[in-house]
Amino acid sequence: MSNDCNECYALPDARMQETATGYEAVFSIPGVPKGAVDLRVDGRTLRLRTSAKAEPRPAGFRETLREFDPALNYAATLDLPELADPKTIKATVENGLLKVSFDKRPENQPRKIEIG
């Protein structure tokens, strides 16, 4: 991939799973430090954008193999599920993975019904 682009973004690998009480989305953003991640929620839309800076390469440096491009930035949007509560979003970055979790709205949480 060429680094000639000022506003080029790649779509990160992502997955989302539902639990009994909420959801977890995981984005693969290798080489991106926590401080370079911009995560926002706008209504029911989650927006991810990274702004990692490339390390300068020595003169004559030539790469022959790479797993990921450390200069690559990522952008993605995710529509939150209808039952999601955007107010409960939490996120962490560790080992190249951005994990975003959020609860279901309280009225959609499982609950035990007492029998009288």
C-alpha atoms as a PDB file:
ATOM      1  CA  MET A   1       0.000   0.000   0.000  1.00  0.00           C
ATOM      2  CA  SER A   2       1.358   3.421  -0.924  1.00  0.00           C
ATOM      3  CA  ASN A   3       1.917   6.097   1.712  1.00  0.00           C
ATOM      4  CA  ASP A   4       1.292   8.909  -0.819  1.00  0.00           C
ATOM      5  CA  CYS A   5      -2.146   9.670   0.568  1.00  0.00           C
ATOM      6  CA  ASN A   6      -2.791  12.338   3.214  1.00  0.00           C
ATOM      7  CA  GLU A   7      -6.318  11.205   4.132  1.00  0.00           C
ATOM      8  CA  CYS A   8      -6.229   7.461   3.413  1.00  0.00           C
ATOM      9  CA  TYR A   9      -7.917   5.109   5.831  1.00  0.00           C
ATOM     10  CA  ALA A  10      -8.251   1.354   5.884  1.00  0.00           C
ATOM     11  CA  LEU A  11     -11.272  -0.501   7.179  1.00  0.00           C
ATOM     12  CA  PRO A  12     -10.173  -2.500  10.249  1.00  0.00           C
ATOM     13  CA  ASP A  13     -11.098  -6.129  10.703  1.00  0.00           C
ATOM     14  CA  ALA A  14     -14.031  -6.118  13.107  1.00  0.00           C
ATOM     15  CA  ARG A  15     -16.469  -8.427  14.831  1.00  0.00           C
ATOM     16  CA  MET A  16     -19.386  -7.878  17.159  1.00  0.00           C
ATOM     17  CA  GLN A  17     -21.074 -10.286  19.512  1.00  0.00           C
ATOM     18  CA  GLU A  18     -24.142 -10.125  21.699  1.00  0.00           C
ATOM     19  CA  THR A  19     -24.192 -11.250  25.327  1.00  0.00           C
ATOM     20  CA  ALA A  20     -27.153 -11.617  27.672  1.00  0.00           C
ATOM     21  CA  THR A  21     -26.676  -8.067  28.981  1.00  0.00           C
ATOM     22  CA  GLY A  22     -24.943  -6.221  26.145  1.00  0.00           C
ATOM     23  CA  TYR A  23     -22.617  -6.243  23.165  1.00  0.00           C
ATOM     24  CA  GLU A  24     -18.881  -6.231  22.457  1.00  0.00           C
ATOM     25  CA  ALA A  25     -17.272  -4.969  19.268  1.00  0.00           C
ATOM     26  CA  VAL A  26     -13.596  -5.705  18.575  1.00  0.00           C
ATOM     27  CA  PHE A  27     -11.568  -3.816  15.948  1.00  0.00           C
ATOM     28  CA  SER A  28      -8.100  -4.899  14.821  1.00  0.00           C
ATOM     29  CA  ILE A  29      -5.880  -1.801  14.716  1.00  0.00           C
ATOM     30  CA  PRO A  30      -2.290  -3.126  14.886  1.00  0.00           C
ATOM     31  CA  GLY A  31       0.426  -0.622  15.673  1.00  0.00           C
ATOM     32  CA  VAL A  32      -1.986   2.113  16.804  1.00  0.00           C
ATOM     33  CA  PRO A  33      -1.388   3.464  20.326  1.00  0.00           C
ATOM     34  CA  LYS A  34      -4.290   4.398  22.618  1.00  0.00           C
ATOM     35  CA  GLY A  35      -3.626   8.118  22.187  1.00  0.00           C
ATOM     36  CA  ALA A  36      -4.107   7.885  18.422  1.00  0.00           C
ATOM     37  CA  VAL A  37      -7.633   6.453  18.656  1.00  0.00           C
ATOM     38  CA  ASP A  38     -10.629   8.772  18.259  1.00  0.00           C
ATOM     39  CA  LEU A  39     -13.855   6.970  19.178  1.00  0.00           C
ATOM     40  CA  ARG A  40     -17.157   8.847  19.182  1.00  0.00           C
ATOM     41  CA  VAL A  41     -20.829   8.035  19.409  1.00  0.00           C
ATOM     42  CA  ASP A  42     -23.335  10.126  17.466  1.00  0.00           C
ATOM     43  CA  GLY A  43     -26.888   9.018  18.155  1.00  0.00           C
ATOM     44  CA  ARG A  44     -26.831   5.307  17.315  1.00  0.00           C
ATOM     45  CA  THR A  45     -23.616   5.461  15.264  1.00  0.00           C
ATOM     46  CA  LEU A  46     -20.176   4.570  16.641  1.00  0.00           C
ATOM     47  CA  ARG A  47     -17.324   6.267  14.731  1.00  0.00           C
ATOM     48  CA  LEU A  48     -13.705   5.121  14.864  1.00  0.00           C
ATOM     49  CA  ARG A  49     -10.768   6.991  13.364  1.00  0.00           C
ATOM     50  CA  THR A  50      -7.079   6.615  14.136  1.00  0.00           C
ATOM     51  CA  SER A  51      -4.262   9.082  13.592  1.00  0.00           C
ATOM     52  CA  ALA A  52      -1.018   7.183  14.119  1.00  0.00           C
ATOM     53  CA  LYS A  53       2.122   8.801  12.767  1.00  0.00           C
ATOM     54  CA  ALA A  54       4.645   6.870  10.740  1.00  0.00           C
ATOM     55  CA  GLU A  55       8.137   6.493  12.145  1.00  0.00           C
ATOM     56  CA  PRO A  56      10.760   7.925   9.806  1.00  0.00           C
ATOM     57  CA  ARG A  57      12.632   5.229   7.911  1.00  0.00           C
ATOM     58  CA  PRO A  58      16.388   5.377   7.438  1.00  0.00           C
ATOM     59  CA  ALA A  59      17.762   6.342   4.025  1.00  0.00           C
ATOM     60  CA  GLY A  60      18.003   3.275   1.827  1.00  0.00           C
ATOM     61  CA  PHE A  61      15.599   1.312   4.012  1.00  0.00           C
ATOM     62  CA  ARG A  62      13.660  -1.283   2.057  1.00  0.00           C
ATOM     63  CA  GLU A  63      10.909  -3.470   3.443  1.00  0.00           C
ATOM     64  CA  THR A  64      10.500  -6.882   1.926  1.00  0.00           C
ATOM     65  CA  LEU A  65       7.779  -8.272   4.159  1.00  0.00           C
ATOM     66  CA  ARG A  66       5.320  -6.716   6.546  1.00  0.00           C
ATOM     67  CA  GLU A  67       2.317  -7.929   8.474  1.00  0.00           C
ATOM     68  CA  PHE A  68       0.835  -4.462   8.767  1.00  0.00           C
ATOM     69  CA  ASP A  69       1.746  -0.926   7.795  1.00  0.00           C
ATOM     70  CA  PRO A  70       2.578   1.105  10.926  1.00  0.00           C
ATOM     71  CA  ALA A  71       1.682   4.274   9.002  1.00  0.00           C
ATOM     72  CA  LEU A  72      -1.770   2.964   8.182  1.00  0.00           C
ATOM     73  CA  ASN A  73      -4.744   4.678   9.754  1.00  0.00           C
ATOM     74  CA  TYR A  74      -8.169   3.167  10.207  1.00  0.00           C
ATOM     75  CA  ALA A  75     -11.717   4.464   9.998  1.00  0.00           C
ATOM     76  CA  ALA A  76     -15.015   2.693  10.519  1.00  0.00           C
ATOM     77  CA  THR A  77     -18.596   3.356  11.486  1.00  0.00           C
ATOM     78  CA  LEU A  78     -20.855   0.904  13.237  1.00  0.00           C
ATOM     79  CA  ASP A  79     -24.601   1.218  13.670  1.00  0.00           C
ATOM     80  CA  LEU A  80     -25.404   0.249  17.224  1.00  0.00           C
ATOM     81  CA  PRO A  81     -28.063  -2.437  17.692  1.00  0.00           C
ATOM     82  CA  GLU A  82     -31.560  -1.153  18.447  1.00  0.00           C
ATOM     83  CA  LEU A  83     -31.409  -2.534  22.012  1.00  0.00           C
ATOM     84  CA  ALA A  84     -28.018  -0.917  22.807  1.00  0.00           C
ATOM     85  CA  ASP A  85     -27.609   1.831  25.388  1.00  0.00           C
ATOM     86  CA  PRO A  86     -25.069   4.317  23.930  1.00  0.00           C
ATOM     87  CA  LYS A  87     -24.589   5.908  27.383  1.00  0.00           C
ATOM     88  CA  THR A  88     -22.816   2.780  28.650  1.00  0.00           C
ATOM     89  CA  ILE A  89     -20.025   2.542  26.056  1.00  0.00           C
ATOM     90  CA  LYS A  90     -16.571   1.625  27.413  1.00  0.00           C
ATOM     91  CA  ALA A  91     -13.426   1.057  25.335  1.00  0.00           C
ATOM     92  CA  THR A  92      -9.885  -0.269  25.782  1.00  0.00           C
ATOM     93  CA  VAL A  93      -6.898  -0.691  23.455  1.00  0.00           C
ATOM     94  CA  GLU A  94      -4.480  -3.545  24.060  1.00  0.00           C
ATOM     95  CA  ASN A  95      -2.171  -5.559  21.794  1.00  0.00           C
ATOM     96  CA  GLY A  96      -3.558  -3.987  18.611  1.00  0.00           C
ATOM     97  CA  LEU A  97      -7.202  -4.613  19.524  1.00  0.00           C
ATOM     98  CA  LEU A  98      -9.776  -1.954  20.311  1.00  0.00           C
ATOM     99  CA  LYS A  99     -12.520  -3.509  22.455  1.00  0.00           C
ATOM    100  CA  VAL A 100     -15.754  -1.572  22.754  1.00  0.00           C
ATOM    101  CA  SER A 101     -18.490  -2.815  25.071  1.00  0.00           C
ATOM    102  CA  PHE A 102     -21.935  -1.453  25.730  1.00  0.00           C
ATOM    103  CA  ASP A 103     -24.977  -2.620  27.643  1.00  0.00           C
ATOM    104  CA  LYS A 104     -28.480  -3.262  26.455  1.00  0.00           C
ATOM    105  CA  ARG A 105     -30.978  -0.627  27.559  1.00  0.00           C
ATOM    106  CA  PRO A 106     -32.182  -1.409  31.108  1.00  0.00           C
ATOM    107  CA  GLU A 107     -35.680  -2.315  29.962  1.00  0.00           C
ATOM    108  CA  ASN A 108     -34.168  -4.977  27.689  1.00  0.00           C
ATOM    109  CA  GLN A 109     -31.935  -6.591  30.316  1.00  0.00           C
ATOM    110  CA  PRO A 110     -32.876 -10.106  31.341  1.00  0.00           C
ATOM    111  CA  ARG A 111     -34.540 -10.245  34.725  1.00  0.00           C
ATOM    112  CA  LYS A 112     -35.991 -12.873  36.974  1.00  0.00           C
ATOM    113  CA  ILE A 113     -39.718 -12.701  37.462  1.00  0.00           C
ATOM    114  CA  GLU A 114     -40.870 -13.382  40.978  1.00  0.00           C
ATOM    115  CA  ILE A 115     -43.864 -15.655  41.223  1.00  0.00           C
ATOM    116  CA  GLY A 116     -46.393 -14.638  43.861  1.00  0.00           C
END
